[in-house]
Amino acid sequence: MPLVKVEMLKGKSKEFKKTVLDCIHDGLMDSIGIEDWDRFQRIAEY
């Protein structure tokens, strides 16, 4: 279970954040073969 921490500026829409996390998760599934259900992600906004 890889931990993903994304840091970004405040003010981004929920749709933008979901798209970013989905793209990262898709990349992890393709590159290291994690399962679709294996998602442990955090966003820190500054």
PDB file of N, CA and C in Angstrom:
ATOM      1  N   MET A   1       0.846  -1.171   0.000  1.00  0.00           N
ATOM      2  CA  MET A   1       0.000   0.000   0.000  1.00  0.00           C
ATOM      3  C   MET A   1       0.897   1.242   0.000  1.00  0.00           C
ATOM      4  N   PRO A   2       1.088   1.858  -1.157  1.00  0.00           N
ATOM      5  CA  PRO A   2       1.895   3.076  -1.209  1.00  0.00           C
ATOM      6  C   PRO A   2       1.110   4.275  -0.669  1.00  0.00           C
ATOM      7  N   LEU A   3       1.817   5.144   0.019  1.00  0.00           N
ATOM      8  CA  LEU A   3       1.229   6.376   0.513  1.00  0.00           C
ATOM      9  C   LEU A   3       1.557   7.483  -0.476  1.00  0.00           C
ATOM     10  N   VAL A   4       0.530   8.226  -0.913  1.00  0.00           N
ATOM     11  CA  VAL A   4       0.713   9.342  -1.833  1.00  0.00           C
ATOM     12  C   VAL A   4       0.324  10.615  -1.103  1.00  0.00           C
ATOM     13  N   LYS A   5       1.243  11.575  -1.069  1.00  0.00           N
ATOM     14  CA  LYS A   5       0.946  12.876  -0.483  1.00  0.00           C
ATOM     15  C   LYS A   5       1.147  13.928  -1.575  1.00  0.00           C
ATOM     16  N   VAL A   6       0.100  14.673  -1.854  1.00  0.00           N
ATOM     17  CA  VAL A   6       0.134  15.711  -2.880  1.00  0.00           C
ATOM     18  C   VAL A   6       0.036  17.054  -2.172  1.00  0.00           C
ATOM     19  N   GLU A   7       0.946  17.952  -2.503  1.00  0.00           N
ATOM     20  CA  GLU A   7       0.916  19.301  -1.946  1.00  0.00           C
ATOM     21  C   GLU A   7       0.547  20.265  -3.058  1.00  0.00           C
ATOM     22  N   MET A   8      -0.421  21.153  -2.777  1.00  0.00           N
ATOM     23  CA  MET A   8      -0.858  22.109  -3.792  1.00  0.00           C
ATOM     24  C   MET A   8      -1.342  23.395  -3.134  1.00  0.00           C
ATOM     25  N   LEU A   9      -1.472  24.414  -3.941  1.00  0.00           N
ATOM     26  CA  LEU A   9      -1.985  25.688  -3.456  1.00  0.00           C
ATOM     27  C   LEU A   9      -3.474  25.567  -3.170  1.00  0.00           C
ATOM     28  N   LYS A  10      -3.942  26.293  -2.166  1.00  0.00           N
ATOM     29  CA  LYS A  10      -5.363  26.308  -1.833  1.00  0.00           C
ATOM     30  C   LYS A  10      -6.167  26.906  -2.978  1.00  0.00           C
ATOM     31  N   GLY A  11      -7.411  26.504  -3.040  1.00  0.00           N
ATOM     32  CA  GLY A  11      -8.326  27.113  -3.991  1.00  0.00           C
ATOM     33  C   GLY A  11      -8.665  26.263  -5.197  1.00  0.00           C
ATOM     34  N   LYS A  12      -8.088  25.091  -5.302  1.00  0.00           N
ATOM     35  CA  LYS A  12      -8.400  24.212  -6.431  1.00  0.00           C
ATOM     36  C   LYS A  12      -9.759  23.554  -6.210  1.00  0.00           C
ATOM     37  N   SER A  13     -10.460  23.295  -7.292  1.00  0.00           N
ATOM     38  CA  SER A  13     -11.799  22.710  -7.194  1.00  0.00           C
ATOM     39  C   SER A  13     -11.716  21.234  -6.801  1.00  0.00           C
ATOM     40  N   LYS A  14     -12.832  20.707  -6.322  1.00  0.00           N
ATOM     41  CA  LYS A  14     -12.897  19.281  -5.976  1.00  0.00           C
ATOM     42  C   LYS A  14     -12.661  18.412  -7.202  1.00  0.00           C
ATOM     43  N   GLU A  15     -13.152  18.849  -8.348  1.00  0.00           N
ATOM     44  CA  GLU A  15     -12.973  18.088  -9.578  1.00  0.00           C
ATOM     45  C   GLU A  15     -11.491  18.019  -9.967  1.00  0.00           C
ATOM     46  N   PHE A  16     -10.768  19.133  -9.810  1.00  0.00           N
ATOM     47  CA  PHE A  16      -9.341  19.167 -10.106  1.00  0.00           C
ATOM     48  C   PHE A  16      -8.585  18.195  -9.202  1.00  0.00           C
ATOM     49  N   LYS A  17      -8.885  18.246  -7.901  1.00  0.00           N
ATOM     50  CA  LYS A  17      -8.208  17.368  -6.949  1.00  0.00           C
ATOM     51  C   LYS A  17      -8.486  15.904  -7.260  1.00  0.00           C
ATOM     52  N   LYS A  18      -9.739  15.583  -7.577  1.00  0.00           N
ATOM     53  CA  LYS A  18     -10.093  14.195  -7.900  1.00  0.00           C
ATOM     54  C   LYS A  18      -9.364  13.738  -9.152  1.00  0.00           C
ATOM     55  N   THR A  19      -9.268  14.604 -10.155  1.00  0.00           N
ATOM     56  CA  THR A  19      -8.567  14.256 -11.385  1.00  0.00           C
ATOM     57  C   THR A  19      -7.091  13.985 -11.122  1.00  0.00           C
ATOM     58  N   VAL A  20      -6.455  14.837 -10.326  1.00  0.00           N
ATOM     59  CA  VAL A  20      -5.045  14.647  -9.993  1.00  0.00           C
ATOM     60  C   VAL A  20      -4.839  13.310  -9.290  1.00  0.00           C
ATOM     61  N   LEU A  21      -5.653  13.031  -8.269  1.00  0.00           N
ATOM     62  CA  LEU A  21      -5.504  11.777  -7.524  1.00  0.00           C
ATOM     63  C   LEU A  21      -5.802  10.561  -8.398  1.00  0.00           C
ATOM     64  N   ASP A  22      -6.802  10.657  -9.280  1.00  0.00           N
ATOM     65  CA  ASP A  22      -7.113   9.544 -10.184  1.00  0.00           C
ATOM     66  C   ASP A  22      -5.960   9.269 -11.141  1.00  0.00           C
ATOM     67  N   CYS A  23      -5.355  10.332 -11.680  1.00  0.00           N
ATOM     68  CA  CYS A  23      -4.221  10.159 -12.607  1.00  0.00           C
ATOM     69  C   CYS A  23      -3.030   9.528 -11.898  1.00  0.00           C
ATOM     70  N   ILE A  24      -2.758   9.960 -10.689  1.00  0.00           N
ATOM     71  CA  ILE A  24      -1.656   9.372  -9.920  1.00  0.00           C
ATOM     72  C   ILE A  24      -1.934   7.897  -9.647  1.00  0.00           C
ATOM     73  N   HIS A  25      -3.156   7.580  -9.258  1.00  0.00           N
ATOM     74  CA  HIS A  25      -3.512   6.193  -8.964  1.00  0.00           C
ATOM     75  C   HIS A  25      -3.406   5.321 -10.219  1.00  0.00           C
ATOM     76  N   ASP A  26      -3.863   5.838 -11.350  1.00  0.00           N
ATOM     77  CA  ASP A  26      -3.745   5.086 -12.603  1.00  0.00           C
ATOM     78  C   ASP A  26      -2.280   4.803 -12.927  1.00  0.00           C
ATOM     79  N   GLY A  27      -1.416   5.800 -12.711  1.00  0.00           N
ATOM     80  CA  GLY A  27       0.005   5.610 -12.953  1.00  0.00           C
ATOM     81  C   GLY A  27       0.615   4.555 -12.054  1.00  0.00           C
ATOM     82  N   LEU A  28       0.198   4.543 -10.784  1.00  0.00           N
ATOM     83  CA  LEU A  28       0.701   3.529  -9.851  1.00  0.00           C
ATOM     84  C   LEU A  28       0.227   2.132 -10.238  1.00  0.00           C
ATOM     85  N   MET A  29      -1.014   2.024 -10.697  1.00  0.00           N
ATOM     86  CA  MET A  29      -1.516   0.713 -11.123  1.00  0.00           C
ATOM     87  C   MET A  29      -0.725   0.213 -12.327  1.00  0.00           C
ATOM     88  N   ASP A  30      -0.432   1.102 -13.261  1.00  0.00           N
ATOM     89  CA  ASP A  30       0.317   0.707 -14.465  1.00  0.00           C
ATOM     90  C   ASP A  30       1.776   0.401 -14.161  1.00  0.00           C
ATOM     91  N   SER A  31       2.397   1.212 -13.300  1.00  0.00           N
ATOM     92  CA  SER A  31       3.842   1.089 -13.111  1.00  0.00           C
ATOM     93  C   SER A  31       4.246   0.016 -12.097  1.00  0.00           C
ATOM     94  N   ILE A  32       3.549  -0.057 -10.966  1.00  0.00           N
ATOM     95  CA  ILE A  32       3.971  -1.030  -9.956  1.00  0.00           C
ATOM     96  C   ILE A  32       2.912  -2.094  -9.660  1.00  0.00           C
ATOM     97  N   GLY A  33       1.800  -2.030 -10.384  1.00  0.00           N
ATOM     98  CA  GLY A  33       0.822  -3.105 -10.315  1.00  0.00           C
ATOM     99  C   GLY A  33      -0.040  -3.157  -9.065  1.00  0.00           C
ATOM    100  N   ILE A  34      -0.294  -2.009  -8.423  1.00  0.00           N
ATOM    101  CA  ILE A  34      -1.186  -2.052  -7.264  1.00  0.00           C
ATOM    102  C   ILE A  34      -2.618  -2.291  -7.730  1.00  0.00           C
ATOM    103  N   GLU A  35      -3.445  -2.744  -6.829  1.00  0.00           N
ATOM    104  CA  GLU A  35      -4.840  -3.021  -7.147  1.00  0.00           C
ATOM    105  C   GLU A  35      -5.656  -1.724  -7.170  1.00  0.00           C
ATOM    106  N   ASP A  36      -6.796  -1.762  -7.833  1.00  0.00           N
ATOM    107  CA  ASP A  36      -7.654  -0.578  -7.952  1.00  0.00           C
ATOM    108  C   ASP A  36      -8.163  -0.121  -6.584  1.00  0.00           C
ATOM    109  N   TRP A  37      -8.419  -1.066  -5.688  1.00  0.00           N
ATOM    110  CA  TRP A  37      -8.964  -0.726  -4.368  1.00  0.00           C
ATOM    111  C   TRP A  37      -7.898  -0.189  -3.410  1.00  0.00           C
ATOM    112  N   ASP A  38      -6.620  -0.354  -3.755  1.00  0.00           N
ATOM    113  CA  ASP A  38      -5.512  -0.010  -2.862  1.00  0.00           C
ATOM    114  C   ASP A  38      -5.149   1.470  -3.023  1.00  0.00           C
ATOM    115  N   ARG A  39      -5.867   2.332  -2.320  1.00  0.00           N
ATOM    116  CA  ARG A  39      -5.714   3.771  -2.496  1.00  0.00           C
ATOM    117  C   ARG A  39      -5.520   4.426  -1.130  1.00  0.00           C
ATOM    118  N   PHE A  40      -4.347   5.014  -0.916  1.00  0.00           N
ATOM    119  CA  PHE A  40      -4.052   5.709   0.332  1.00  0.00           C
ATOM    120  C   PHE A  40      -3.421   7.040  -0.052  1.00  0.00           C
ATOM    121  N   GLN A  41      -4.268   8.077  -0.151  1.00  0.00           N
ATOM    122  CA  GLN A  41      -3.833   9.366  -0.698  1.00  0.00           C
ATOM    123  C   GLN A  41      -4.220  10.505   0.230  1.00  0.00           C
ATOM    124  N   ARG A  42      -3.352  11.518   0.252  1.00  0.00           N
ATOM    125  CA  ARG A  42      -3.619  12.715   1.058  1.00  0.00           C
ATOM    126  C   ARG A  42      -3.294  13.952   0.227  1.00  0.00           C
ATOM    127  N   ILE A  43      -4.052  15.011   0.469  1.00  0.00           N
ATOM    128  CA  ILE A  43      -3.755  16.308  -0.149  1.00  0.00           C
ATOM    129  C   ILE A  43      -3.501  17.304   0.960  1.00  0.00           C
ATOM    130  N   ALA A  44      -2.380  18.014   0.845  1.00  0.00           N
ATOM    131  CA  ALA A  44      -2.066  19.103   1.760  1.00  0.00           C
ATOM    132  C   ALA A  44      -2.151  20.397   0.966  1.00  0.00           C
ATOM    133  N   GLU A  45      -2.974  21.317   1.436  1.00  0.00           N
ATOM    134  CA  GLU A  45      -3.161  22.589   0.730  1.00  0.00           C
ATOM    135  C   GLU A  45      -2.516  23.715   1.511  1.00  0.00           C
ATOM    136  N   TYR A  46      -1.811  24.562   0.797  1.00  0.00           N
ATOM    137  CA  TYR A  46      -1.117  25.701   1.412  1.00  0.00           C
ATOM    138  C   TYR A  46      -1.574  26.996   0.792  1.00  0.00           C
TER     139      TYR A  46
END
